[in-house]
Amino acid sequence: MNIGKQALVTQGMVKQHKAARRERLTQGLALAALLLMGGMAIAGPSGIFAWSDASSALSQREERIAKLQAQRDDLKQRVDALDPDNADPDMVVEMMRRNLNVVHPDEVILPKPKADTQD
């Protein structure tokens, strides 16, 4: 009987050893998964490092949007000034003189001096 009990005890120890090995393997895999998730939280595409890059890109884009909005407002003001029903006379005169080279009879035009070229 002692041999039978010893065999059962040995078998039980082998089962416990296998169970302990399986548990260690499971814990190791869980630890690896947690480390991977922690690494991705820090250095991943949506991690802490990427967050600081995204915030700087956001501030640059907001500055660009502000500049574009200012340009748009300036252009809108010029378009409103050229409205045929309610045109701003100063703007019309300015554009006419610039585009058509129109001058008043009492104006004097001074030509640009020619640049001296030496050979």
Protein backbone atom coordinates (compact mmCIF):
# COMPACT_ATOMS: atom_id res chain seq x y z
CA MET A 1 0.00 0.00 0.00
CA ASN A 2 2.80 2.34 0.66
CA ILE A 3 3.83 2.15 -2.97
CA GLY A 4 0.30 3.03 -4.08
CA LYS A 5 0.12 5.96 -1.70
CA GLN A 6 3.54 7.11 -2.77
CA ALA A 7 2.49 6.91 -6.43
CA LEU A 8 -0.64 8.93 -5.67
CA VAL A 9 1.37 11.50 -3.76
CA THR A 10 3.86 11.72 -6.62
CA GLN A 11 1.04 12.02 -9.12
CA GLY A 12 -0.52 14.75 -6.99
CA MET A 13 2.79 16.60 -6.84
CA VAL A 14 3.16 16.35 -10.61
CA LYS A 15 -0.35 17.77 -11.05
CA GLN A 16 0.42 20.57 -8.60
CA HIS A 17 3.68 21.26 -10.39
CA LYS A 18 1.88 21.43 -13.75
CA ALA A 19 -0.81 23.67 -12.25
CA ALA A 20 1.85 25.95 -10.75
CA ARG A 21 3.68 26.08 -14.08
CA ARG A 22 0.43 26.92 -15.91
CA GLU A 23 -0.35 29.62 -13.34
CA ARG A 24 3.15 31.14 -13.71
CA LEU A 25 2.76 31.08 -17.49
CA THR A 26 -0.64 32.79 -17.21
CA GLN A 27 0.75 35.41 -14.84
CA GLY A 28 3.74 35.98 -17.14
CA LEU A 29 1.46 36.48 -20.15
CA ALA A 30 -0.75 38.85 -18.14
CA LEU A 31 2.34 40.81 -17.04
CA ALA A 32 3.58 41.00 -20.63
CA ALA A 33 0.17 42.26 -21.78
CA LEU A 34 0.14 44.91 -19.05
CA LEU A 35 3.66 46.03 -19.93
CA LEU A 36 2.69 46.24 -23.60
CA MET A 37 -0.37 48.33 -22.77
CA GLY A 38 1.70 50.58 -20.51
CA GLY A 39 4.28 51.06 -23.25
CA MET A 40 1.57 51.93 -25.76
CA ALA A 41 0.05 54.39 -23.28
CA ILE A 42 3.38 56.20 -23.09
CA ALA A 43 4.92 55.88 -26.55
CA GLY A 44 2.08 54.62 -28.74
CA PRO A 45 0.29 56.50 -31.52
CA SER A 46 -2.16 57.99 -29.02
CA GLY A 47 0.14 57.98 -26.01
CA ILE A 48 1.62 60.73 -23.89
CA PHE A 49 4.43 61.58 -26.33
CA ALA A 50 2.02 61.76 -29.26
CA TRP A 51 -0.33 63.91 -27.19
CA SER A 52 2.29 66.65 -26.79
CA ASP A 53 2.99 66.57 -30.55
CA ALA A 54 -0.71 66.79 -31.26
CA SER A 55 -1.17 69.76 -28.93
CA SER A 56 1.66 71.68 -30.63
CA ALA A 57 0.21 70.85 -34.06
CA LEU A 58 -3.17 72.06 -32.82
CA SER A 59 -1.75 75.41 -31.71
CA GLN A 60 -0.03 75.86 -35.09
CA ARG A 61 -3.27 75.10 -36.91
CA GLU A 62 -5.20 77.52 -34.70
CA GLU A 63 -2.69 80.27 -35.57
CA ARG A 64 -3.08 79.47 -39.28
CA ILE A 65 -6.87 79.55 -38.95
CA ALA A 66 -6.69 82.97 -37.26
CA LYS A 67 -4.53 84.33 -40.11
CA LEU A 68 -6.85 82.90 -42.75
CA GLN A 69 -9.89 84.34 -41.01
CA ALA A 70 -8.24 87.76 -40.97
CA GLN A 71 -7.52 87.47 -44.70
CA ARG A 72 -11.07 86.35 -45.34
CA ASP A 73 -12.46 89.31 -43.40
CA ASP A 74 -10.24 91.70 -45.38
CA LEU A 75 -11.39 90.20 -48.69
CA LYS A 76 -15.01 90.30 -47.58
CA GLN A 77 -14.63 93.98 -46.76
CA ARG A 78 -13.15 94.66 -50.21
CA VAL A 79 -15.94 92.70 -51.92
CA ASP A 80 -18.56 94.61 -49.94
CA ALA A 81 -16.89 97.88 -50.96
CA LEU A 82 -17.19 96.91 -54.64
CA ASP A 83 -20.87 96.02 -54.46
CA PRO A 84 -22.49 97.63 -57.56
CA ASP A 85 -25.54 98.76 -55.61
CA ASN A 86 -23.55 100.42 -52.84
CA ALA A 87 -19.98 100.89 -54.09
CA ASP A 88 -17.43 102.84 -52.10
CA PRO A 89 -16.30 105.69 -54.38
CA ASP A 90 -12.76 105.74 -53.01
CA MET A 91 -12.31 102.03 -53.67
CA VAL A 92 -13.71 102.34 -57.20
CA VAL A 93 -11.36 105.23 -58.01
CA GLU A 94 -8.40 103.40 -56.54
CA MET A 95 -9.05 100.23 -58.55
CA MET A 96 -9.80 102.14 -61.75
CA ARG A 97 -6.59 104.12 -61.52
CA ARG A 98 -4.53 101.05 -60.72
CA ASN A 99 -6.02 98.75 -63.37
CA LEU A 100 -6.56 101.23 -66.20
CA ASN A 101 -3.71 103.65 -65.55
CA VAL A 102 -6.16 106.54 -65.49
CA VAL A 103 -4.94 109.94 -64.28
CA HIS A 104 -6.65 113.26 -63.65
CA PRO A 105 -5.84 116.19 -65.95
CA ASP A 106 -4.23 118.15 -63.12
CA GLU A 107 -1.83 115.37 -62.12
CA VAL A 108 1.80 115.28 -63.12
CA ILE A 109 3.41 111.94 -63.88
CA LEU A 110 7.07 111.56 -63.12
CA PRO A 111 8.71 108.68 -64.96
CA LYS A 112 11.08 106.43 -63.08
CA PRO A 113 14.71 107.25 -63.73
CA LYS A 114 16.46 104.70 -65.90
CA ALA A 115 19.07 102.64 -64.17
CA ASP A 116 22.61 103.39 -65.36
CA THR A 117 24.14 100.25 -66.76
CA GLN A 118 27.87 100.10 -67.08
CA ASP A 119 29.57 97.52 -69.27
